[in-house]
N, C-alpha and C. Protein backbone atom coordinates (compact mmCIF):
# COMPACT_ATOMS: atom_id res chain seq x y z
N MET A 1 -19.76 -77.38 -10.43
CA MET A 1 -18.56 -77.19 -11.85
C MET A 1 -18.39 -75.32 -12.19
N ARG A 2 -19.95 -75.46 -12.45
CA ARG A 2 -20.40 -74.35 -13.21
C ARG A 2 -19.80 -72.96 -11.96
N TYR A 3 -21.21 -73.35 -11.49
CA TYR A 3 -20.71 -71.98 -10.18
C TYR A 3 -19.47 -71.46 -10.26
N LEU A 4 -18.61 -72.43 -9.85
CA LEU A 4 -16.68 -72.53 -9.33
C LEU A 4 -16.23 -71.31 -10.46
N ILE A 5 -16.47 -72.40 -11.48
CA ILE A 5 -15.92 -71.29 -12.90
C ILE A 5 -16.30 -69.99 -12.78
N ALA A 6 -17.23 -69.82 -13.08
CA ALA A 6 -18.21 -68.49 -13.81
C ALA A 6 -18.06 -67.67 -11.91
N SER A 7 -17.48 -67.81 -11.35
CA SER A 7 -17.08 -67.17 -10.14
C SER A 7 -16.05 -66.55 -10.30
N ILE A 8 -15.33 -67.12 -10.68
CA ILE A 8 -13.51 -67.02 -10.94
C ILE A 8 -13.62 -66.27 -12.00
N ILE A 9 -14.36 -66.76 -13.84
CA ILE A 9 -14.64 -65.27 -14.20
C ILE A 9 -15.10 -63.96 -13.67
N ILE A 10 -16.46 -63.73 -12.89
CA ILE A 10 -16.99 -62.43 -12.32
C ILE A 10 -15.80 -62.15 -11.77
N VAL A 11 -15.03 -62.97 -10.82
CA VAL A 11 -13.97 -61.66 -10.02
C VAL A 11 -12.85 -61.08 -10.66
N ALA A 12 -12.82 -62.43 -12.14
CA ALA A 12 -11.59 -61.07 -12.87
C ALA A 12 -11.68 -60.72 -13.85
N ILE A 13 -12.62 -60.18 -13.71
CA ILE A 13 -13.27 -59.15 -14.33
C ILE A 13 -13.29 -58.03 -13.50
N ALA A 14 -13.95 -58.31 -12.43
CA ALA A 14 -13.81 -56.93 -11.56
C ALA A 14 -12.12 -56.81 -11.57
N PHE A 15 -11.50 -57.21 -10.74
CA PHE A 15 -10.13 -57.45 -10.64
C PHE A 15 -9.59 -56.41 -12.00
N VAL A 16 -10.18 -56.43 -13.48
CA VAL A 16 -9.52 -55.93 -14.86
C VAL A 16 -9.84 -54.91 -14.56
N ILE A 17 -11.39 -54.37 -14.00
CA ILE A 17 -12.06 -53.29 -14.02
C ILE A 17 -11.09 -52.43 -12.70
N LYS A 18 -10.92 -53.30 -11.82
CA LYS A 18 -11.17 -52.17 -10.54
C LYS A 18 -9.17 -51.92 -11.12
N VAL A 19 -8.48 -52.42 -11.38
CA VAL A 19 -7.48 -52.25 -11.64
C VAL A 19 -7.10 -51.03 -13.03
N ASP A 20 -8.29 -51.07 -14.02
CA ASP A 20 -8.09 -50.51 -14.88
C ASP A 20 -8.41 -48.90 -14.63
N LEU A 21 -9.27 -48.75 -13.87
CA LEU A 21 -9.93 -47.59 -13.13
C LEU A 21 -9.26 -46.73 -12.08
N GLN A 22 -7.82 -47.62 -11.63
CA GLN A 22 -7.38 -47.20 -10.42
C GLN A 22 -5.91 -46.35 -11.55
N GLU A 23 -5.20 -47.65 -12.37
CA GLU A 23 -4.27 -46.93 -12.51
C GLU A 23 -3.90 -45.81 -14.37
N GLY A 24 -5.44 -46.54 -14.97
CA GLY A 24 -6.06 -45.33 -15.60
C GLY A 24 -5.33 -45.49 -17.06
N THR A 25 -5.70 -46.57 -17.14
CA THR A 25 -5.17 -47.36 -19.15
C THR A 25 -5.57 -46.35 -20.10
N LEU A 26 -7.15 -45.44 -19.67
CA LEU A 26 -7.42 -44.69 -20.81
C LEU A 26 -6.57 -44.22 -21.42
N PRO A 27 -6.61 -43.70 -22.25
CA PRO A 27 -5.91 -42.64 -23.00
C PRO A 27 -6.13 -41.29 -22.49
N LEU A 28 -5.48 -40.43 -22.12
CA LEU A 28 -5.84 -39.14 -20.89
C LEU A 28 -5.86 -38.20 -21.91
N ALA A 29 -6.30 -38.40 -23.43
CA ALA A 29 -5.89 -37.10 -23.81
C ALA A 29 -7.16 -35.93 -24.02
N SER A 30 -7.88 -37.01 -23.99
CA SER A 30 -9.30 -36.53 -24.21
C SER A 30 -9.53 -35.47 -22.63
N PHE A 31 -8.73 -36.03 -21.37
CA PHE A 31 -8.71 -35.10 -20.58
C PHE A 31 -8.24 -33.82 -19.98
N TYR A 32 -7.66 -33.59 -21.36
CA TYR A 32 -6.72 -31.97 -21.33
C TYR A 32 -7.69 -31.10 -21.52
N GLN A 33 -7.05 -30.37 -21.47
CA GLN A 33 -7.78 -28.78 -21.76
C GLN A 33 -7.09 -28.30 -22.92
N PRO A 34 -7.93 -27.49 -24.63
CA PRO A 34 -7.01 -27.60 -25.10
C PRO A 34 -6.31 -26.69 -25.16
N LYS A 35 -5.18 -25.87 -25.34
CA LYS A 35 -4.30 -24.52 -24.80
C LYS A 35 -5.12 -23.28 -25.86
N THR A 36 -5.33 -22.40 -25.42
CA THR A 36 -5.61 -20.91 -26.15
C THR A 36 -5.11 -19.94 -26.44
N ASP A 37 -4.91 -19.02 -27.68
CA ASP A 37 -3.83 -18.06 -26.74
C ASP A 37 -4.32 -16.70 -25.79
N CYS A 38 -4.83 -17.62 -25.21
CA CYS A 38 -5.33 -16.03 -24.45
C CYS A 38 -5.13 -16.96 -22.79
N GLN A 39 -4.49 -15.49 -22.29
CA GLN A 39 -4.22 -16.47 -20.54
C GLN A 39 -4.36 -15.23 -19.96
N ASN A 40 -4.72 -15.80 -18.62
CA ASN A 40 -4.77 -14.87 -17.32
C ASN A 40 -4.45 -14.46 -16.94
N ASP A 41 -3.32 -13.46 -17.24
CA ASP A 41 -1.99 -13.23 -16.32
C ASP A 41 -2.05 -12.03 -14.60
N GLU A 42 -2.23 -12.33 -13.70
CA GLU A 42 -2.07 -11.18 -12.73
C GLU A 42 -1.16 -10.99 -11.98
N GLU A 43 -1.00 -9.61 -12.03
CA GLU A 43 -1.06 -8.52 -11.80
C GLU A 43 -0.62 -8.56 -9.47
N LEU A 44 0.58 -8.89 -9.41
CA LEU A 44 0.97 -9.79 -8.10
C LEU A 44 1.43 -8.38 -7.27
N THR A 45 1.19 -8.00 -6.75
CA THR A 45 1.35 -6.68 -5.38
C THR A 45 1.75 -7.85 -3.53
N TYR A 46 2.13 -6.61 -3.42
CA TYR A 46 2.58 -7.22 -2.36
C TYR A 46 3.22 -6.24 -1.11
N VAL A 47 3.17 -6.55 -0.05
CA VAL A 47 3.61 -5.80 0.92
C VAL A 47 4.19 -6.00 1.51
N THR A 48 5.27 -5.29 2.22
CA THR A 48 6.29 -5.64 3.54
C THR A 48 6.03 -5.28 4.99
N VAL A 49 5.73 -6.45 5.51
CA VAL A 49 5.61 -5.97 6.81
C VAL A 49 6.79 -6.94 7.55
N GLN A 50 6.78 -6.58 8.95
CA GLN A 50 7.40 -6.90 10.12
C GLN A 50 6.88 -7.68 11.02
N VAL A 51 7.09 -8.73 11.27
CA VAL A 51 6.59 -9.58 12.05
C VAL A 51 6.55 -9.10 13.58
N MET A 52 5.54 -9.19 14.39
CA MET A 52 6.04 -9.32 15.71
C MET A 52 5.18 -9.96 16.38
N GLU A 53 6.01 -10.48 17.78
CA GLU A 53 5.40 -11.71 18.59
C GLU A 53 4.27 -11.82 18.84
N GLY A 54 3.38 -13.17 18.33
CA GLY A 54 2.03 -13.42 18.51
C GLY A 54 1.01 -13.50 17.31
N ASP A 55 2.21 -12.86 16.00
CA ASP A 55 1.33 -12.94 14.95
C ASP A 55 1.60 -14.19 14.44
N THR A 56 0.58 -14.46 13.78
CA THR A 56 -0.01 -15.43 12.97
C THR A 56 -0.17 -15.84 11.21
N MET A 57 -0.50 -16.20 10.40
CA MET A 57 -0.68 -15.92 9.37
C MET A 57 -2.04 -15.53 8.94
N TYR A 58 -2.43 -15.85 10.11
CA TYR A 58 -4.03 -15.44 9.52
C TYR A 58 -3.84 -13.83 10.12
N SER A 59 -3.80 -13.96 10.44
CA SER A 59 -3.61 -12.40 11.86
C SER A 59 -3.00 -11.00 10.58
N LEU A 60 -2.07 -11.96 9.96
CA LEU A 60 -1.25 -11.04 9.06
C LEU A 60 -1.95 -11.12 8.16
N PHE A 61 -2.87 -11.80 7.60
CA PHE A 61 -4.21 -11.52 5.84
C PHE A 61 -4.81 -10.60 6.76
N ALA A 62 -5.40 -10.84 7.50
CA ALA A 62 -6.89 -10.68 8.40
C ALA A 62 -6.21 -8.82 8.36
N ALA A 63 -5.10 -7.88 8.54
CA ALA A 63 -4.80 -6.82 9.10
C ALA A 63 -4.11 -6.41 7.89
N THR A 64 -4.27 -7.01 7.02
CA THR A 64 -3.48 -6.37 5.44
C THR A 64 -4.57 -7.06 4.32
N PRO A 65 -6.02 -6.82 4.85
CA PRO A 65 -6.69 -7.58 2.96
C PRO A 65 -6.33 -6.36 2.18
N SER A 66 -6.48 -7.86 1.25
CA SER A 66 -6.54 -7.60 -0.50
C SER A 66 -7.91 -6.64 -0.65
N PRO A 67 -7.43 -5.80 -2.47
CA PRO A 67 -8.19 -5.39 -2.40
C PRO A 67 -9.41 -5.77 -3.34
N ILE A 68 -9.05 -7.60 -3.54
CA ILE A 68 -9.82 -8.25 -4.14
C ILE A 68 -9.71 -8.75 -3.92
N LYS A 69 -10.92 -9.69 -3.64
CA LYS A 69 -10.98 -10.73 -2.54
C LYS A 69 -10.63 -11.98 -3.23
N MET A 70 -9.87 -12.57 -2.20
CA MET A 70 -9.06 -13.79 -2.43
C MET A 70 -9.58 -14.99 -1.51
N THR A 71 -9.30 -16.08 -1.64
CA THR A 71 -9.33 -16.87 -0.79
C THR A 71 -8.25 -17.35 0.35
N TYR A 72 -8.12 -17.80 1.62
CA TYR A 72 -7.05 -17.78 2.69
C TYR A 72 -6.15 -18.86 1.74
N PRO A 73 -6.82 -20.62 0.99
CA PRO A 73 -5.52 -20.82 0.06
C PRO A 73 -4.61 -20.40 -0.76
N ASP A 74 -5.22 -19.41 -1.38
CA ASP A 74 -4.52 -18.94 -2.98
C ASP A 74 -4.73 -18.13 -1.97
N ARG A 75 -4.65 -17.06 -1.07
CA ARG A 75 -3.23 -16.14 -0.57
C ARG A 75 -2.09 -16.93 0.21
N LEU A 76 -2.41 -17.90 0.02
CA LEU A 76 -1.51 -18.19 1.43
C LEU A 76 -0.48 -19.25 0.51
N ALA A 77 -0.79 -19.74 -0.47
CA ALA A 77 0.46 -20.32 -1.79
C ALA A 77 1.05 -19.27 -2.21
N LYS A 78 0.48 -17.90 -2.73
CA LYS A 78 0.88 -16.67 -3.32
C LYS A 78 1.99 -16.08 -2.25
N PHE A 79 2.18 -16.55 -1.27
CA PHE A 79 2.54 -15.79 0.27
C PHE A 79 3.85 -16.48 0.07
N TYR A 80 3.98 -17.91 -0.16
CA TYR A 80 4.61 -19.28 -0.08
C TYR A 80 5.72 -18.74 -1.39
N LYS A 81 5.24 -18.31 -2.57
CA LYS A 81 5.84 -17.88 -3.68
C LYS A 81 6.97 -17.32 -3.24
N LEU A 82 6.08 -15.86 -2.59
CA LEU A 82 6.68 -14.48 -2.25
C LEU A 82 7.61 -14.53 -1.17
N ASN A 83 7.48 -16.12 -0.22
CA ASN A 83 8.60 -16.41 0.86
C ASN A 83 8.83 -17.68 0.90
N PRO A 84 10.18 -18.10 -0.09
CA PRO A 84 9.73 -19.17 0.23
C PRO A 84 10.47 -19.38 0.96
N HIS A 85 11.13 -19.18 1.76
CA HIS A 85 11.98 -19.94 3.38
C HIS A 85 11.16 -19.64 4.43
N LEU A 86 10.12 -19.26 4.38
CA LEU A 86 8.82 -20.19 5.13
C LEU A 86 8.61 -21.12 4.89
N GLN A 87 8.53 -21.64 4.84
CA GLN A 87 7.17 -22.87 3.86
C GLN A 87 7.74 -23.73 4.92
N LEU A 88 9.45 -24.56 5.79
CA LEU A 88 9.32 -25.38 6.72
C LEU A 88 9.23 -24.61 8.12
N GLN A 89 9.72 -23.02 8.05
CA GLN A 89 9.62 -23.00 9.75
C GLN A 89 7.94 -21.96 9.86
N SER A 90 8.10 -21.10 11.06
CA SER A 90 7.22 -20.65 11.72
C SER A 90 8.30 -18.92 11.27
N LEU A 91 6.93 -18.18 11.13
CA LEU A 91 6.92 -16.63 11.47
C LEU A 91 8.29 -16.05 12.91
N VAL A 92 9.15 -15.70 12.48
CA VAL A 92 10.12 -15.21 13.66
C VAL A 92 10.41 -13.78 13.70
N PRO A 93 9.71 -13.41 15.41
CA PRO A 93 9.60 -11.74 15.25
C PRO A 93 10.59 -10.98 14.85
N GLY A 94 10.35 -9.90 14.30
CA GLY A 94 11.33 -8.77 13.85
C GLY A 94 11.75 -9.42 12.52
N GLU A 95 11.58 -10.21 12.11
CA GLU A 95 11.68 -10.93 10.23
C GLU A 95 10.82 -9.51 9.70
N GLN A 96 11.07 -9.37 8.25
CA GLN A 96 10.44 -9.01 7.18
C GLN A 96 10.02 -9.86 5.92
N ILE A 97 8.52 -10.24 6.26
CA ILE A 97 8.33 -10.70 5.11
C ILE A 97 7.05 -9.73 4.05
N LEU A 98 7.18 -10.78 3.02
CA LEU A 98 6.06 -9.87 2.08
C LEU A 98 4.88 -10.99 1.84
N LEU A 99 3.62 -9.94 2.51
CA LEU A 99 1.81 -10.49 1.94
C LEU A 99 1.44 -9.84 0.13
N PRO A 100 1.31 -10.93 0.11
CA PRO A 100 0.51 -10.76 -1.12
C PRO A 100 -1.10 -10.16 -1.52
N MET A 101 -1.22 -9.37 -2.18
CA MET A 101 -2.04 -8.64 -2.55
C MET A 101 -2.87 -8.84 -4.21
N GLN A 102 -3.69 -9.15 -4.14
CA GLN A 102 -3.91 -9.05 -5.46
C GLN A 102 -4.71 -7.66 -6.00
N THR A 103 -4.33 -7.36 -7.78
CA THR A 103 -5.46 -6.55 -7.96
C THR A 103 -5.50 -7.38 -9.28
N ASN A 104 -6.96 -6.42 -9.95
CA ASN A 104 -7.57 -7.07 -11.61
C ASN A 104 -6.43 -7.55 -11.67
N PRO A 105 -7.16 -8.74 -12.50
CA PRO A 105 -6.77 -9.68 -13.47
C PRO A 105 -6.18 -9.33 -15.09
N LEU A 106 -4.64 -9.16 -15.09
CA LEU A 106 -4.29 -8.83 -17.42
C LEU A 106 -5.67 -9.99 -18.05
N LYS A 107 -5.47 -9.63 -19.39
CA LYS A 107 -5.85 -10.48 -20.30
C LYS A 107 -4.90 -10.13 -21.71
N ASN A 108 -4.14 -11.29 -21.70
CA ASN A 108 -3.26 -11.12 -23.21
C ASN A 108 -3.89 -11.51 -23.91
N CYS A 109 -4.44 -11.64 -24.98
CA CYS A 109 -5.18 -12.57 -25.56
C CYS A 109 -4.36 -11.80 -27.32
N THR A 110 -4.08 -13.56 -27.92
CA THR A 110 -3.73 -12.43 -29.46
C THR A 110 -4.89 -13.59 -30.21
N ASN A 111 -4.95 -12.90 -31.14
CA ASN A 111 -5.91 -13.49 -32.98
C ASN A 111 -5.35 -13.89 -33.03
């Protein structure tokens, strides 16, 4: 009988720990980064291109490289900021789209 009660208590404790870790009942204040007065702003420039038959996002990015190295996911996210209408549709030949080109980041720091 003691083994049964001990196993039920162990299972109950394990369940409470699992729920605590999954749902995050710990205070989240320690996970936030403190706000600083220094912000990194990017000067985002773009190039207007006309889509041709057979163009893909990857081929357009390869044809117009950015002066500063950007990863494909970063550039794709900035592309959808400039062209929000293309999030749920494919590229249409003859359409004018904006391709992001990143330049040097600007630092705005106030003390």
